[in-house]
Amino acid sequence: IGQQIRQCQNLGVKIVLALGGADGDHTVLSGMGTAFAETLHNSFFGG
C-alpha cells in the first residue's frame, strides 16, 4: 500500500491519514499529545 501511496503522490494526489472514525478506541488524553505526535511523526511522516 505504501508503494501505491508513492504512485498517488507522483500523480499529484495528496495522501492524508484519517484519525479516528465511528468505531475503534481513540483518545488524546491530557498530557499525552506530544507522545502521540511523536508516534505519528516517526511512523508516518519525517521521523
All heavy atoms as atom14 arrays in JSON, in Angstrom:
{
  "sequence": "IGQQIRQCQNLGVKIVLALGGADGDHTVLSGMGTAFAETLHNSFFGG",
  "atom14_mask": [
    [1, 1, 1, 1, 1, 1, 1, 1, 0, 0, 0, 0, 0, 0],
    [1, 1, 1, 1, 0, 0, 0, 0, 0, 0, 0, 0, 0, 0],
    [1, 1, 1, 1, 1, 1, 1, 1, 1, 0, 0, 0, 0, 0],
    [1, 1, 1, 1, 1, 1, 1, 1, 1, 0, 0, 0, 0, 0],
    [1, 1, 1, 1, 1, 1, 1, 1, 0, 0, 0, 0, 0, 0],
    [1, 1, 1, 1, 1, 1, 1, 1, 1, 1, 1, 0, 0, 0],
    [1, 1, 1, 1, 1, 1, 1, 1, 1, 0, 0, 0, 0, 0],
    [1, 1, 1, 1, 1, 1, 0, 0, 0, 0, 0, 0, 0, 0],
    [1, 1, 1, 1, 1, 1, 1, 1, 1, 0, 0, 0, 0, 0],
    [1, 1, 1, 1, 1, 1, 1, 1, 0, 0, 0, 0, 0, 0],
    [1, 1, 1, 1, 1, 1, 1, 1, 0, 0, 0, 0, 0, 0],
    [1, 1, 1, 1, 0, 0, 0, 0, 0, 0, 0, 0, 0, 0],
    [1, 1, 1, 1, 1, 1, 1, 0, 0, 0, 0, 0, 0, 0],
    [1, 1, 1, 1, 1, 1, 1, 1, 1, 0, 0, 0, 0, 0],
    [1, 1, 1, 1, 1, 1, 1, 1, 0, 0, 0, 0, 0, 0],
    [1, 1, 1, 1, 1, 1, 1, 0, 0, 0, 0, 0, 0, 0],
    [1, 1, 1, 1, 1, 1, 1, 1, 0, 0, 0, 0, 0, 0],
    [1, 1, 1, 1, 1, 0, 0, 0, 0, 0, 0, 0, 0, 0],
    [1, 1, 1, 1, 1, 1, 1, 1, 0, 0, 0, 0, 0, 0],
    [1, 1, 1, 1, 0, 0, 0, 0, 0, 0, 0, 0, 0, 0],
    [1, 1, 1, 1, 0, 0, 0, 0, 0, 0, 0, 0, 0, 0],
    [1, 1, 1, 1, 1, 0, 0, 0, 0, 0, 0, 0, 0, 0],
    [1, 1, 1, 1, 1, 1, 1, 1, 0, 0, 0, 0, 0, 0],
    [1, 1, 1, 1, 0, 0, 0, 0, 0, 0, 0, 0, 0, 0],
    [1, 1, 1, 1, 1, 1, 1, 1, 0, 0, 0, 0, 0, 0],
    [1, 1, 1, 1, 1, 1, 1, 1, 1, 1, 0, 0, 0, 0],
    [1, 1, 1, 1, 1, 1, 1, 0, 0, 0, 0, 0, 0, 0],
    [1, 1, 1, 1, 1, 1, 1, 0, 0, 0, 0, 0, 0, 0],
    [1, 1, 1, 1, 1, 1, 1, 1, 0, 0, 0, 0, 0, 0],
    [1, 1, 1, 1, 1, 1, 0, 0, 0, 0, 0, 0, 0, 0],
    [1, 1, 1, 1, 0, 0, 0, 0, 0, 0, 0, 0, 0, 0],
    [1, 1, 1, 1, 1, 1, 1, 1, 0, 0, 0, 0, 0, 0],
    [1, 1, 1, 1, 0, 0, 0, 0, 0, 0, 0, 0, 0, 0],
    [1, 1, 1, 1, 1, 1, 1, 0, 0, 0, 0, 0, 0, 0],
    [1, 1, 1, 1, 1, 0, 0, 0, 0, 0, 0, 0, 0, 0],
    [1, 1, 1, 1, 1, 1, 1, 1, 1, 1, 1, 0, 0, 0],
    [1, 1, 1, 1, 1, 0, 0, 0, 0, 0, 0, 0, 0, 0],
    [1, 1, 1, 1, 1, 1, 1, 1, 1, 0, 0, 0, 0, 0],
    [1, 1, 1, 1, 1, 1, 1, 0, 0, 0, 0, 0, 0, 0],
    [1, 1, 1, 1, 1, 1, 1, 1, 0, 0, 0, 0, 0, 0],
    [1, 1, 1, 1, 1, 1, 1, 1, 1, 1, 0, 0, 0, 0],
    [1, 1, 1, 1, 1, 1, 1, 1, 0, 0, 0, 0, 0, 0],
    [1, 1, 1, 1, 1, 1, 0, 0, 0, 0, 0, 0, 0, 0],
    [1, 1, 1, 1, 1, 1, 1, 1, 1, 1, 1, 0, 0, 0],
    [1, 1, 1, 1, 1, 1, 1, 1, 1, 1, 1, 0, 0, 0],
    [1, 1, 1, 1, 0, 0, 0, 0, 0, 0, 0, 0, 0, 0],
    [1, 1, 1, 1, 0, 0, 0, 0, 0, 0, 0, 0, 0, 0]
  ],
  "atom14_positions": [
    [[0.85, -1.2, 0.0], [0.0, 0.0, 0.0], [0.88, 1.25, 0.0], [0.57, 2.25, -0.65], [-0.95, -0.01, 1.2], [-1.95, -1.18, 1.09], [-1.72, 1.32, 1.3], [-2.83, -1.37, 2.31], [0.0, 0.0, 0.0], [0.0, 0.0, 0.0], [0.0, 0.0, 0.0], [0.0, 0.0, 0.0], [0.0, 0.0, 0.0], [0.0, 0.0, 0.0]],
    [[2.01, 1.18, 0.71], [2.94, 2.29, 0.73], [3.44, 2.64, -0.66], [3.57, 3.83, -1.02], [0.0, 0.0, 0.0], [0.0, 0.0, 0.0], [0.0, 0.0, 0.0], [0.0, 0.0, 0.0], [0.0, 0.0, 0.0], [0.0, 0.0, 0.0], [0.0, 0.0, 0.0], [0.0, 0.0, 0.0], [0.0, 0.0, 0.0], [0.0, 0.0, 0.0]],
    [[3.73, 1.63, -1.47], [4.17, 1.91, -2.83], [3.05, 2.53, -3.67], [3.28, 3.36, -4.54], [4.69, 0.62, -3.48], [5.96, 0.09, -2.81], [7.0, 1.18, -2.58], [7.44, 1.84, -3.53], [7.41, 1.38, -1.33], [0.0, 0.0, 0.0], [0.0, 0.0, 0.0], [0.0, 0.0, 0.0], [0.0, 0.0, 0.0], [0.0, 0.0, 0.0]],
    [[1.8, 2.14, -3.37], [0.66, 2.78, -4.03], [0.56, 4.25, -3.62], [0.22, 5.11, -4.44], [-0.63, 2.05, -3.68], [-0.71, 0.63, -4.23], [-1.97, -0.08, -3.77], [-3.03, 0.51, -3.69], [-1.85, -1.36, -3.47], [0.0, 0.0, 0.0], [0.0, 0.0, 0.0], [0.0, 0.0, 0.0], [0.0, 0.0, 0.0], [0.0, 0.0, 0.0]],
    [[0.85, 4.52, -2.35], [0.85, 5.91, -1.89], [1.87, 6.73, -2.67], [1.58, 7.84, -3.12], [1.15, 5.97, -0.37], [-0.04, 5.39, 0.42], [1.45, 7.4, 0.07], [0.23, 5.2, 1.9], [0.0, 0.0, 0.0], [0.0, 0.0, 0.0], [0.0, 0.0, 0.0], [0.0, 0.0, 0.0], [0.0, 0.0, 0.0], [0.0, 0.0, 0.0]],
    [[3.04, 6.17, -2.87], [4.07, 6.87, -3.66], [3.58, 7.13, -5.08], [3.8, 8.21, -5.65], [5.35, 6.04, -3.69], [6.1, 5.97, -2.37], [6.88, 7.25, -2.07], [7.9, 7.49, -3.07], [9.13, 7.0, -3.02], [9.49, 6.21, -2.02], [10.01, 7.27, -3.96], [0.0, 0.0, 0.0], [0.0, 0.0, 0.0], [0.0, 0.0, 0.0]],
    [[2.91, 6.14, -5.66], [2.37, 6.32, -7.01], [1.35, 7.46, -7.03], [1.35, 8.29, -7.95], [1.72, 5.02, -7.49], [2.68, 3.87, -7.71], [1.95, 2.57, -7.97], [0.84, 2.55, -8.51], [2.56, 1.45, -7.58], [0.0, 0.0, 0.0], [0.0, 0.0, 0.0], [0.0, 0.0, 0.0], [0.0, 0.0, 0.0], [0.0, 0.0, 0.0]],
    [[0.48, 7.49, -6.03], [-0.52, 8.56, -5.95], [0.14, 9.92, -5.83], [-0.24, 10.88, -6.52], [-1.44, 8.32, -4.75], [-2.54, 6.89, -4.92], [0.0, 0.0, 0.0], [0.0, 0.0, 0.0], [0.0, 0.0, 0.0], [0.0, 0.0, 0.0], [0.0, 0.0, 0.0], [0.0, 0.0, 0.0], [0.0, 0.0, 0.0], [0.0, 0.0, 0.0]],
    [[1.11, 10.02, -4.95], [1.81, 11.29, -4.76], [2.51, 11.74, -6.02], [2.53, 12.93, -6.35], [2.78, 11.18, -3.58], [2.08, 11.03, -2.24], [3.02, 10.7, -1.1], [4.03, 10.03, -1.29], [2.71, 11.19, 0.09], [0.0, 0.0, 0.0], [0.0, 0.0, 0.0], [0.0, 0.0, 0.0], [0.0, 0.0, 0.0], [0.0, 0.0, 0.0]],
    [[3.06, 10.79, -6.76], [3.72, 11.13, -8.03], [2.72, 11.64, -9.06], [3.09, 12.37, -9.99], [4.46, 9.91, -8.58], [5.72, 9.59, -7.78], [6.27, 10.45, -7.08], [6.17, 8.35, -7.85], [0.0, 0.0, 0.0], [0.0, 0.0, 0.0], [0.0, 0.0, 0.0], [0.0, 0.0, 0.0], [0.0, 0.0, 0.0], [0.0, 0.0, 0.0]],
    [[1.44, 11.26, -8.88], [0.38, 11.75, -9.77], [-0.19, 13.09, -9.29], [-1.08, 13.64, -9.92], [-0.75, 10.71, -9.85], [-0.42, 9.41, -10.6], [-1.51, 8.37, -10.37], [-0.24, 9.68, -12.09], [0.0, 0.0, 0.0], [0.0, 0.0, 0.0], [0.0, 0.0, 0.0], [0.0, 0.0, 0.0], [0.0, 0.0, 0.0], [0.0, 0.0, 0.0]],
    [[0.31, 13.59, -8.17], [-0.16, 14.86, -7.64], [-1.28, 14.75, -6.63], [-1.85, 15.77, -6.23], [0.0, 0.0, 0.0], [0.0, 0.0, 0.0], [0.0, 0.0, 0.0], [0.0, 0.0, 0.0], [0.0, 0.0, 0.0], [0.0, 0.0, 0.0], [0.0, 0.0, 0.0], [0.0, 0.0, 0.0], [0.0, 0.0, 0.0], [0.0, 0.0, 0.0]],
    [[-1.62, 13.53, -6.21], [-2.68, 13.32, -5.22], [-2.04, 13.32, -3.82], [-1.09, 12.58, -3.57], [-3.42, 11.99, -5.45], [-4.52, 11.81, -4.41], [-3.98, 11.94, -6.85], [0.0, 0.0, 0.0], [0.0, 0.0, 0.0], [0.0, 0.0, 0.0], [0.0, 0.0, 0.0], [0.0, 0.0, 0.0], [0.0, 0.0, 0.0], [0.0, 0.0, 0.0]],
    [[-2.56, 14.15, -2.93], [-2.06, 14.18, -1.57], [-2.74, 13.08, -0.75], [-3.95, 12.88, -0.86], [-2.3, 15.55, -0.93], [-1.45, 16.66, -1.57], [-1.58, 17.95, -0.81], [-0.73, 19.04, -1.45], [0.72, 18.74, -1.42], [0.0, 0.0, 0.0], [0.0, 0.0, 0.0], [0.0, 0.0, 0.0], [0.0, 0.0, 0.0], [0.0, 0.0, 0.0]],
    [[-1.94, 12.4, 0.07], [-2.44, 11.28, 0.86], [-2.33, 11.64, 2.34], [-1.25, 11.93, 2.86], [-1.65, 9.99, 0.58], [-1.67, 9.67, -0.93], [-2.22, 8.84, 1.38], [-3.06, 9.4, -1.49], [0.0, 0.0, 0.0], [0.0, 0.0, 0.0], [0.0, 0.0, 0.0], [0.0, 0.0, 0.0], [0.0, 0.0, 0.0], [0.0, 0.0, 0.0]],
    [[-3.49, 11.61, 3.01], [-3.63, 12.09, 4.38], [-4.09, 10.94, 5.27], [-4.87, 10.08, 4.84], [-4.65, 13.25, 4.41], [-5.05, 13.62, 5.83], [-4.08, 14.47, 3.67], [0.0, 0.0, 0.0], [0.0, 0.0, 0.0], [0.0, 0.0, 0.0], [0.0, 0.0, 0.0], [0.0, 0.0, 0.0], [0.0, 0.0, 0.0], [0.0, 0.0, 0.0]],
    [[-3.62, 10.91, 6.51], [-4.0, 9.88, 7.46], [-5.19, 10.36, 8.3], [-5.09, 11.35, 9.02], [-2.82, 9.54, 8.38], [-3.07, 8.45, 9.42], [-3.35, 7.1, 8.75], [-1.88, 8.35, 10.38], [0.0, 0.0, 0.0], [0.0, 0.0, 0.0], [0.0, 0.0, 0.0], [0.0, 0.0, 0.0], [0.0, 0.0, 0.0], [0.0, 0.0, 0.0]],
    [[-6.32, 9.65, 8.18], [-7.52, 9.99, 8.96], [-7.45, 9.31, 10.33], [-7.25, 8.1, 10.43], [-8.78, 9.57, 8.22], [0.0, 0.0, 0.0], [0.0, 0.0, 0.0], [0.0, 0.0, 0.0], [0.0, 0.0, 0.0], [0.0, 0.0, 0.0], [0.0, 0.0, 0.0], [0.0, 0.0, 0.0], [0.0, 0.0, 0.0], [0.0, 0.0, 0.0]],
    [[-7.64, 10.1, 11.36], [-7.51, 9.64, 12.73], [-8.89, 9.5, 13.37], [-9.62, 10.49, 13.51], [-6.69, 10.65, 13.56], [-5.36, 11.13, 12.97], [-4.75, 12.21, 13.86], [-4.4, 9.97, 12.79], [0.0, 0.0, 0.0], [0.0, 0.0, 0.0], [0.0, 0.0, 0.0], [0.0, 0.0, 0.0], [0.0, 0.0, 0.0], [0.0, 0.0, 0.0]],
    [[-9.25, 8.28, 13.74], [-10.5, 8.1, 14.48], [-11.51, 7.26, 13.76], [-11.33, 6.07, 13.53], [0.0, 0.0, 0.0], [0.0, 0.0, 0.0], [0.0, 0.0, 0.0], [0.0, 0.0, 0.0], [0.0, 0.0, 0.0], [0.0, 0.0, 0.0], [0.0, 0.0, 0.0], [0.0, 0.0, 0.0], [0.0, 0.0, 0.0], [0.0, 0.0, 0.0]],
    [[-12.65, 7.89, 13.39], [-13.74, 7.16, 12.79], [-14.82, 6.85, 13.81], [-14.68, 7.11, 15.01], [0.0, 0.0, 0.0], [0.0, 0.0, 0.0], [0.0, 0.0, 0.0], [0.0, 0.0, 0.0], [0.0, 0.0, 0.0], [0.0, 0.0, 0.0], [0.0, 0.0, 0.0], [0.0, 0.0, 0.0], [0.0, 0.0, 0.0], [0.0, 0.0, 0.0]],
    [[-15.9, 6.26, 13.32], [-17.04, 5.97, 14.19], [-16.78, 4.81, 15.14], [-17.43, 4.7, 16.18], [-18.28, 5.68, 13.34], [0.0, 0.0, 0.0], [0.0, 0.0, 0.0], [0.0, 0.0, 0.0], [0.0, 0.0, 0.0], [0.0, 0.0, 0.0], [0.0, 0.0, 0.0], [0.0, 0.0, 0.0], [0.0, 0.0, 0.0], [0.0, 0.0, 0.0]],
    [[-15.85, 3.92, 14.77], [-15.56, 2.75, 15.6], [-14.14, 2.85, 16.15], [-13.4, 3.78, 15.86], [-15.72, 1.47, 14.77], [-17.12, 1.31, 14.23], [-18.08, 1.53, 15.0], [-17.27, 0.98, 13.04], [0.0, 0.0, 0.0], [0.0, 0.0, 0.0], [0.0, 0.0, 0.0], [0.0, 0.0, 0.0], [0.0, 0.0, 0.0], [0.0, 0.0, 0.0]],
    [[-13.74, 1.86, 16.92], [-12.4, 1.84, 17.48], [-12.32, 2.59, 18.79], [-13.32, 3.07, 19.34], [0.0, 0.0, 0.0], [0.0, 0.0, 0.0], [0.0, 0.0, 0.0], [0.0, 0.0, 0.0], [0.0, 0.0, 0.0], [0.0, 0.0, 0.0], [0.0, 0.0, 0.0], [0.0, 0.0, 0.0], [0.0, 0.0, 0.0], [0.0, 0.0, 0.0]],
    [[-11.1, 2.72, 19.31], [-10.86, 3.37, 20.59], [-9.74, 4.38, 20.39], [-8.58, 4.01, 20.21], [-10.48, 2.34, 21.65], [-10.35, 2.95, 23.04], [-10.68, 4.13, 23.21], [-9.88, 2.23, 23.95], [0.0, 0.0, 0.0], [0.0, 0.0, 0.0], [0.0, 0.0, 0.0], [0.0, 0.0, 0.0], [0.0, 0.0, 0.0], [0.0, 0.0, 0.0]],
    [[-10.08, 5.65, 20.38], [-9.07, 6.66, 20.07], [-9.29, 7.89, 20.93], [-10.35, 8.51, 20.91], [-9.12, 7.04, 18.59], [-10.51, 7.11, 18.04], [-11.14, 6.03, 17.44], [-11.41, 8.12, 18.0], [-12.35, 6.38, 17.04], [-12.54, 7.65, 17.38], [0.0, 0.0, 0.0], [0.0, 0.0, 0.0], [0.0, 0.0, 0.0], [0.0, 0.0, 0.0]],
    [[-8.27, 8.24, 21.69], [-8.33, 9.43, 22.53], [-6.94, 10.03, 22.62], [-5.93, 9.32, 22.56], [-8.79, 9.09, 23.96], [-7.94, 8.07, 24.5], [-10.22, 8.62, 23.99], [0.0, 0.0, 0.0], [0.0, 0.0, 0.0], [0.0, 0.0, 0.0], [0.0, 0.0, 0.0], [0.0, 0.0, 0.0], [0.0, 0.0, 0.0], [0.0, 0.0, 0.0]],
    [[-6.89, 11.35, 22.75], [-5.65, 12.04, 23.08], [-5.9, 12.69, 24.44], [-6.53, 13.74, 24.54], [-5.28, 13.09, 22.02], [-3.91, 13.68, 22.35], [-5.26, 12.48, 20.64], [0.0, 0.0, 0.0], [0.0, 0.0, 0.0], [0.0, 0.0, 0.0], [0.0, 0.0, 0.0], [0.0, 0.0, 0.0], [0.0, 0.0, 0.0], [0.0, 0.0, 0.0]],
    [[-5.41, 12.02, 25.48], [-5.7, 12.43, 26.84], [-4.77, 13.54, 27.29], [-3.73, 13.8, 26.67], [-5.58, 11.23, 27.78], [-6.49, 10.04, 27.47], [-6.16, 8.88, 28.4], [-7.96, 10.43, 27.59], [0.0, 0.0, 0.0], [0.0, 0.0, 0.0], [0.0, 0.0, 0.0], [0.0, 0.0, 0.0], [0.0, 0.0, 0.0], [0.0, 0.0, 0.0]],
    [[-5.13, 14.2, 28.36], [-4.32, 15.27, 28.92], [-2.9, 14.78, 29.19], [-2.7, 13.73, 29.81], [-4.95, 15.78, 30.22], [-4.17, 16.8, 30.78], [0.0, 0.0, 0.0], [0.0, 0.0, 0.0], [0.0, 0.0, 0.0], [0.0, 0.0, 0.0], [0.0, 0.0, 0.0], [0.0, 0.0, 0.0], [0.0, 0.0, 0.0], [0.0, 0.0, 0.0]],
    [[-1.93, 15.53, 28.69], [-0.53, 15.18, 28.89], [0.04, 14.2, 27.89], [1.24, 13.9, 27.95], [0.0, 0.0, 0.0], [0.0, 0.0, 0.0], [0.0, 0.0, 0.0], [0.0, 0.0, 0.0], [0.0, 0.0, 0.0], [0.0, 0.0, 0.0], [0.0, 0.0, 0.0], [0.0, 0.0, 0.0], [0.0, 0.0, 0.0], [0.0, 0.0, 0.0]],
    [[-0.78, 13.7, 26.96], [-0.34, 12.67, 26.03], [-0.13, 13.17, 24.61], [0.28, 12.42, 23.73], [-1.36, 11.51, 26.01], [-1.47, 10.76, 27.32], [0.03, 9.82, 27.67], [-0.41, 9.06, 29.24], [0.0, 0.0, 0.0], [0.0, 0.0, 0.0], [0.0, 0.0, 0.0], [0.0, 0.0, 0.0], [0.0, 0.0, 0.0], [0.0, 0.0, 0.0]],
    [[-0.41, 14.45, 24.35], [-0.37, 14.95, 22.99], [0.99, 14.83, 22.34], [1.13, 14.38, 21.2], [0.0, 0.0, 0.0], [0.0, 0.0, 0.0], [0.0, 0.0, 0.0], [0.0, 0.0, 0.0], [0.0, 0.0, 0.0], [0.0, 0.0, 0.0], [0.0, 0.0, 0.0], [0.0, 0.0, 0.0], [0.0, 0.0, 0.0], [0.0, 0.0, 0.0]],
    [[2.04, 15.22, 23.07], [3.38, 15.2, 22.49], [3.83, 13.78, 22.19], [4.42, 13.51, 21.13], [4.38, 15.9, 23.43], [3.98, 17.26, 23.6], [5.78, 15.86, 22.84], [0.0, 0.0, 0.0], [0.0, 0.0, 0.0], [0.0, 0.0, 0.0], [0.0, 0.0, 0.0], [0.0, 0.0, 0.0], [0.0, 0.0, 0.0], [0.0, 0.0, 0.0]],
    [[3.54, 12.85, 23.08], [3.93, 11.46, 22.85], [3.21, 10.88, 21.64], [3.81, 10.16, 20.84], [3.63, 10.62, 24.1], [0.0, 0.0, 0.0], [0.0, 0.0, 0.0], [0.0, 0.0, 0.0], [0.0, 0.0, 0.0], [0.0, 0.0, 0.0], [0.0, 0.0, 0.0], [0.0, 0.0, 0.0], [0.0, 0.0, 0.0], [0.0, 0.0, 0.0]],
    [[1.94, 11.2, 21.49], [1.2, 10.71, 20.32], [1.72, 11.36, 19.05], [1.86, 10.71, 18.01], [-0.29, 10.96, 20.49], [-1.13, 10.54, 19.3], [-1.02, 9.26, 18.78], [-2.0, 11.42, 18.69], [-1.77, 8.86, 17.68], [-2.76, 11.04, 17.61], [-2.64, 9.76, 17.09], [0.0, 0.0, 0.0], [0.0, 0.0, 0.0], [0.0, 0.0, 0.0]],
    [[2.03, 12.66, 19.12], [2.58, 13.35, 17.96], [3.9, 12.73, 17.53], [4.17, 12.57, 16.33], [2.77, 14.83, 18.29], [0.0, 0.0, 0.0], [0.0, 0.0, 0.0], [0.0, 0.0, 0.0], [0.0, 0.0, 0.0], [0.0, 0.0, 0.0], [0.0, 0.0, 0.0], [0.0, 0.0, 0.0], [0.0, 0.0, 0.0], [0.0, 0.0, 0.0]],
    [[4.73, 12.37, 18.49], [6.0, 11.71, 18.17], [5.76, 10.39, 17.46], [6.46, 10.04, 16.49], [6.8, 11.48, 19.45], [7.37, 12.75, 20.06], [8.03, 12.5, 21.41], [7.86, 11.38, 21.96], [8.71, 13.41, 21.91], [0.0, 0.0, 0.0], [0.0, 0.0, 0.0], [0.0, 0.0, 0.0], [0.0, 0.0, 0.0], [0.0, 0.0, 0.0]],
    [[4.75, 9.65, 17.92], [4.42, 8.37, 17.28], [3.99, 8.6, 15.83], [4.45, 7.89, 14.92], [3.29, 7.66, 18.05], [3.75, 7.36, 19.36], [2.88, 6.37, 17.35], [0.0, 0.0, 0.0], [0.0, 0.0, 0.0], [0.0, 0.0, 0.0], [0.0, 0.0, 0.0], [0.0, 0.0, 0.0], [0.0, 0.0, 0.0], [0.0, 0.0, 0.0]],
    [[3.12, 9.58, 15.59], [2.7, 9.87, 14.22], [3.89, 10.29, 13.37], [4.06, 9.81, 12.23], [1.65, 10.98, 14.23], [0.27, 10.64, 14.79], [-0.61, 11.89, 14.83], [-0.41, 9.55, 13.96], [0.0, 0.0, 0.0], [0.0, 0.0, 0.0], [0.0, 0.0, 0.0], [0.0, 0.0, 0.0], [0.0, 0.0, 0.0], [0.0, 0.0, 0.0]],
    [[4.7, 11.2, 13.88], [5.85, 11.7, 13.13], [6.8, 10.56, 12.76], [7.26, 10.47, 11.62], [6.57, 12.75, 13.97], [7.81, 13.28, 13.34], [7.79, 14.03, 12.18], [9.13, 13.15, 13.69], [9.04, 14.37, 11.85], [9.86, 13.84, 12.76], [0.0, 0.0, 0.0], [0.0, 0.0, 0.0], [0.0, 0.0, 0.0], [0.0, 0.0, 0.0]],
    [[7.07, 9.69, 13.72], [8.04, 8.62, 13.49], [7.49, 7.49, 12.64], [8.24, 6.82, 11.93], [8.54, 8.07, 14.83], [9.4, 9.06, 15.57], [10.08, 9.9, 14.96], [9.38, 9.0, 16.9], [0.0, 0.0, 0.0], [0.0, 0.0, 0.0], [0.0, 0.0, 0.0], [0.0, 0.0, 0.0], [0.0, 0.0, 0.0], [0.0, 0.0, 0.0]],
    [[6.18, 7.29, 12.67], [5.58, 6.16, 11.97], [5.05, 6.5, 10.58], [4.98, 5.62, 9.71], [4.44, 5.56, 12.8], [4.91, 5.07, 14.04], [0.0, 0.0, 0.0], [0.0, 0.0, 0.0], [0.0, 0.0, 0.0], [0.0, 0.0, 0.0], [0.0, 0.0, 0.0], [0.0, 0.0, 0.0], [0.0, 0.0, 0.0], [0.0, 0.0, 0.0]],
    [[4.7, 7.78, 10.35], [4.03, 8.14, 9.09], [4.61, 9.37, 8.38], [4.27, 9.63, 7.23], [2.55, 8.39, 9.35], [1.82, 7.21, 9.92], [1.55, 7.13, 11.28], [1.43, 6.16, 9.1], [0.88, 6.03, 11.81], [0.76, 5.06, 9.61], [0.48, 4.99, 10.97], [0.0, 0.0, 0.0], [0.0, 0.0, 0.0], [0.0, 0.0, 0.0]],
    [[5.47, 10.11, 9.08], [5.96, 11.35, 8.5], [7.49, 11.35, 8.45], [8.08, 10.36, 8.05], [5.37, 12.55, 9.24], [3.87, 12.64, 9.08], [3.01, 12.14, 10.06], [3.31, 13.16, 7.92], [1.64, 12.17, 9.9], [1.94, 13.2, 7.75], [1.1, 12.71, 8.74], [0.0, 0.0, 0.0], [0.0, 0.0, 0.0], [0.0, 0.0, 0.0]],
    [[8.15, 12.42, 8.85], [9.57, 12.55, 8.6], [10.5, 11.9, 9.6], [11.72, 12.0, 9.46], [0.0, 0.0, 0.0], [0.0, 0.0, 0.0], [0.0, 0.0, 0.0], [0.0, 0.0, 0.0], [0.0, 0.0, 0.0], [0.0, 0.0, 0.0], [0.0, 0.0, 0.0], [0.0, 0.0, 0.0], [0.0, 0.0, 0.0], [0.0, 0.0, 0.0]],
    [[9.96, 11.23, 10.61], [10.79, 10.58, 11.6], [11.16, 9.16, 11.2], [11.08, 8.78, 10.04], [0.0, 0.0, 0.0], [0.0, 0.0, 0.0], [0.0, 0.0, 0.0], [0.0, 0.0, 0.0], [0.0, 0.0, 0.0], [0.0, 0.0, 0.0], [0.0, 0.0, 0.0], [0.0, 0.0, 0.0], [0.0, 0.0, 0.0], [0.0, 0.0, 0.0]]
  ]
}
